[in-house]
C-alpha atoms as a PDB file:
ATOM      1  CA  LEU A   1     117.947 100.474  98.969  1.00  0.00           C
ATOM      2  CA  MET A   2     119.597  97.362 100.360  1.00  0.00           C
ATOM      3  CA  CYS A   3     118.157  93.894 100.103  1.00  0.00           C
ATOM      4  CA  LYS A   4     117.792  91.798 103.233  1.00  0.00           C
ATOM      5  CA  GLY A   5     120.369  89.343 101.918  1.00  0.00           C
ATOM      6  CA  CYS A   6     122.977  92.111 101.688  1.00  0.00           C
ATOM      7  CA  VAL A   7     122.153  93.297 105.206  1.00  0.00           C
ATOM      8  CA  HIS A   8     122.486  89.738 106.486  1.00  0.00           C
ATOM      9  CA  ALA A   9     125.779  89.215 104.626  1.00  0.00           C
ATOM     10  CA  ASN A  10     127.126  92.419 106.204  1.00  0.00           C
ATOM     11  CA  TYR A  11     126.082  91.167 109.650  1.00  0.00           C
ATOM     12  CA  LEU A  12     127.822  87.810 109.066  1.00  0.00           C
ATOM     13  CA  ARG A  13     130.992  89.575 107.873  1.00  0.00           C
ATOM     14  CA  GLU A  14     131.071  91.737 111.005  1.00  0.00           C
ATOM     15  CA  GLU A  15     130.572  88.694 113.244  1.00  0.00           C
ATOM     16  CA  GLU A  16     133.203  86.670 111.406  1.00  0.00           C
ATOM     17  CA  GLU A  17     135.793  89.458 111.511  1.00  0.00           C
ATOM     18  CA  GLY A  18     134.900  90.465 115.084  1.00  0.00           C
ATOM     19  CA  ILE A  19     134.336  94.091 114.163  1.00  0.00           C
ATOM     20  CA  GLU A  20     131.822  96.583 115.535  1.00  0.00           C
ATOM     21  CA  SER A  21     128.389  96.502 113.904  1.00  0.00           C
ATOM     22  CA  THR A  22     127.697  99.328 111.493  1.00  0.00           C
ATOM     23  CA  CYS A  23     124.565 100.508 109.769  1.00  0.00           C
ATOM     24  CA  PRO A  24     124.554  98.955 106.283  1.00  0.00           C
ATOM     25  CA  PHE A  25     122.969 102.158 104.957  1.00  0.00           C
ATOM     26  CA  CYS A  26     125.403 104.800 106.262  1.00  0.00           C
ATOM     27  CA  ARG A  27     128.267 102.623 107.644  1.00  0.00           C
ATOM     28  CA  ARG A  28     128.216 104.462 111.002  1.00  0.00           C
ATOM     29  CA  PRO A  29     128.313 102.448 114.231  1.00  0.00           C
ATOM     30  CA  VAL A  30     124.911 101.081 115.225  1.00  0.00           C
ATOM     31  CA  PRO A  31     123.364 103.386 117.859  1.00  0.00           C
ATOM     32  CA  LYS A  32     123.343 102.075 121.412  1.00  0.00           C
ATOM     33  CA  THR A  33     120.195 103.983 122.486  1.00  0.00           C
ATOM     34  CA  ALA A  34     116.600 104.162 121.241  1.00  0.00           C
ATOM     35  CA  ALA A  35     116.997 107.921 120.769  1.00  0.00           C
ATOM     36  CA  GLY A  36     120.063 107.376 118.586  1.00  0.00           C
ATOM     37  CA  ALA A  37     118.235 104.767 116.502  1.00  0.00           C
ATOM     38  CA  LYS A  38     115.256 107.118 116.067  1.00  0.00           C
ATOM     39  CA  LEU A  39     117.603 109.917 114.934  1.00  0.00           C
ATOM     40  CA  ASN A  40     119.252 107.624 112.355  1.00  0.00           C
ATOM     41  CA  ARG A  41     115.853 106.439 111.100  1.00  0.00           C
ATOM     42  CA  THR A  42     114.659 110.050 110.791  1.00  0.00           C
ATOM     43  CA  ARG A  43     117.767 110.963 108.768  1.00  0.00           C
ATOM     44  CA  ARG A  44     117.212 107.987 106.492  1.00  0.00           C
ATOM     45  CA  ILE A  45     113.540 108.904 106.008  1.00  0.00           C
ATOM     46  CA  GLU A  46     114.579 112.438 105.036  1.00  0.00           C
ATOM     47  CA  LYS A  47     116.795 110.861 102.354  1.00  0.00           C
ATOM     48  CA  ASN A  48     113.824 108.798 101.073  1.00  0.00           C
ATOM     49  CA  ASP A  49     115.039 105.421 102.331  1.00  0.00           C
ATOM     50  CA  PRO A  50     111.992 103.133 101.951  1.00  0.00           C
ATOM     51  CA  ALA A  51     113.318 100.583 104.466  1.00  0.00           C
ATOM     52  CA  ALA A  52     113.480 103.270 107.172  1.00  0.00           C
ATOM     53  CA  MET A  53     109.962 104.411 106.252  1.00  0.00           C
ATOM     54  CA  GLN A  54     108.700 100.840 106.480  1.00  0.00           C
ATOM     55  CA  GLU A  55     110.334 100.375 109.887  1.00  0.00           C
ATOM     56  CA  GLU A  56     108.986 103.673 111.251  1.00  0.00           C
ATOM     57  CA  GLY A  57     105.546 102.799 109.854  1.00  0.00           C
ATOM     58  CA  ALA A  58     105.656  99.566 111.859  1.00  0.00           C
ATOM     59  CA  ARG A  59     106.517 101.555 114.987  1.00  0.00           C
ATOM     60  CA  CYS A  60     103.605 103.919 114.313  1.00  0.00           C
ATOM     61  CA  CYS A  61     101.258 100.948 113.934  1.00  0.00           C
ATOM     62  CA  VAL A  62     102.381  99.466 117.268  1.00  0.00           C
ATOM     63  CA  GLU A  63     101.565 102.824 118.866  1.00  0.00           C
ATOM     64  CA  LYS A  64      98.169 102.751 117.095  1.00  0.00           C
ATOM     65  CA  ASP A  65      99.101 105.784 114.963  1.00  0.00           C
ATOM     66  CA  TYR A  66      97.523 104.232 111.891  1.00  0.00           C
ATOM     67  CA  ALA A  67      97.445 107.491 109.924  1.00  0.00           C
ATOM     68  CA  GLY A  68     101.212 107.885 110.403  1.00  0.00           C
ATOM     69  CA  ALA A  69     101.810 104.258 109.425  1.00  0.00           C
ATOM     70  CA  LEU A  70      99.626 104.650 106.344  1.00  0.00           C
ATOM     71  CA  GLU A  71     101.529 107.755 105.243  1.00  0.00           C
ATOM     72  CA  LEU A  72     104.961 106.173 105.726  1.00  0.00           C
ATOM     73  CA  TRP A  73     104.038 102.836 104.163  1.00  0.00           C
ATOM     74  CA  THR A  74     102.416 104.532 101.182  1.00  0.00           C
ATOM     75  CA  LYS A  75     105.574 106.536 100.498  1.00  0.00           C
ATOM     76  CA  ALA A  76     107.776 103.443 101.002  1.00  0.00           C
ATOM     77  CA  ALA A  77     105.564 101.414  98.651  1.00  0.00           C
ATOM     78  CA  GLU A  78     105.795 104.156  96.029  1.00  0.00           C
ATOM     79  CA  LEU A  79     109.587 103.831  96.336  1.00  0.00           C
ATOM     80  CA  GLY A  80     109.349 100.076  95.727  1.00  0.00           C
ATOM     81  CA  ASP A  81     109.425  98.525  99.212  1.00  0.00           C
ATOM     82  CA  ALA A  82     107.650  95.154  99.007  1.00  0.00           C
ATOM     83  CA  ASP A  83     107.158  94.916 102.791  1.00  0.00           C
ATOM     84  CA  ALA A  84     105.377  98.281 102.747  1.00  0.00           C
ATOM     85  CA  HIS A  85     103.069  97.032  99.972  1.00  0.00           C
ATOM     86  CA  TYR A  86     102.202  94.043 102.131  1.00  0.00           C
ATOM     87  CA  GLN A  87     101.601  96.173 105.243  1.00  0.00           C
ATOM     88  CA  LEU A  88      99.286  98.464 103.257  1.00  0.00           C
ATOM     89  CA  SER A  89      97.261  95.462 102.115  1.00  0.00           C
ATOM     90  CA  VAL A  90      96.961  94.335 105.744  1.00  0.00           C
ATOM     91  CA  MET A  91      95.844  97.832 106.761  1.00  0.00           C
ATOM     92  CA  HIS A  92      93.163  97.822 104.072  1.00  0.00           C
ATOM     93  CA  TYR A  93      92.062  94.321 105.052  1.00  0.00           C
ATOM     94  CA  PHE A  94      91.708  95.167 108.748  1.00  0.00           C
ATOM     95  CA  ASP A  95      90.296  98.662 108.045  1.00  0.00           C
ATOM     96  CA  ARG A  96      92.982 100.569 109.990  1.00  0.00           C
ATOM     97  CA  SER A  97      92.355 104.326 109.501  1.00  0.00           C
ATOM     98  CA  THR A  98      91.105 103.718 105.980  1.00  0.00           C
ATOM     99  CA  GLU A  99      87.904 102.614 104.411  1.00  0.00           C
ATOM    100  CA  ARG A 100      88.097  98.936 103.580  1.00  0.00           C
ATOM    101  CA  ASP A 101      89.115  98.697  99.966  1.00  0.00           C
ATOM    102  CA  VAL A 102      89.216  95.152  98.605  1.00  0.00           C
ATOM    103  CA  LYS A 103      90.845  96.277  95.335  1.00  0.00           C
ATOM    104  CA  ARG A 104      93.757  97.892  97.215  1.00  0.00           C
ATOM    105  CA  GLU A 105      93.864  95.054  99.710  1.00  0.00           C
ATOM    106  CA  LEU A 106      94.614  92.624  96.878  1.00  0.00           C
ATOM    107  CA  TYR A 107      96.863  95.001  94.925  1.00  0.00           C
END
């Protein structure tokens, strides 16, 4: 798990040194295509990376696959991702593929 500050610091270092951007998780070059990015995200999810699960959950939500988003965000939250906790509370508040649950919404 990498904090957003570490990811940002890595980005600044790459910009400052004029080097190619790499994934802060695996240190491979950042994919140039959507298919490549999806493949990297899938690999990270398989390795239980909560940030990748949170990101894929957001993509599921945009596509209105609320059940998929709920599953990914729940797993990410169990692994300690604060953004996933927040997204789950929003899902419970807006009743997206779940019964509205005020206790979970506030948790």
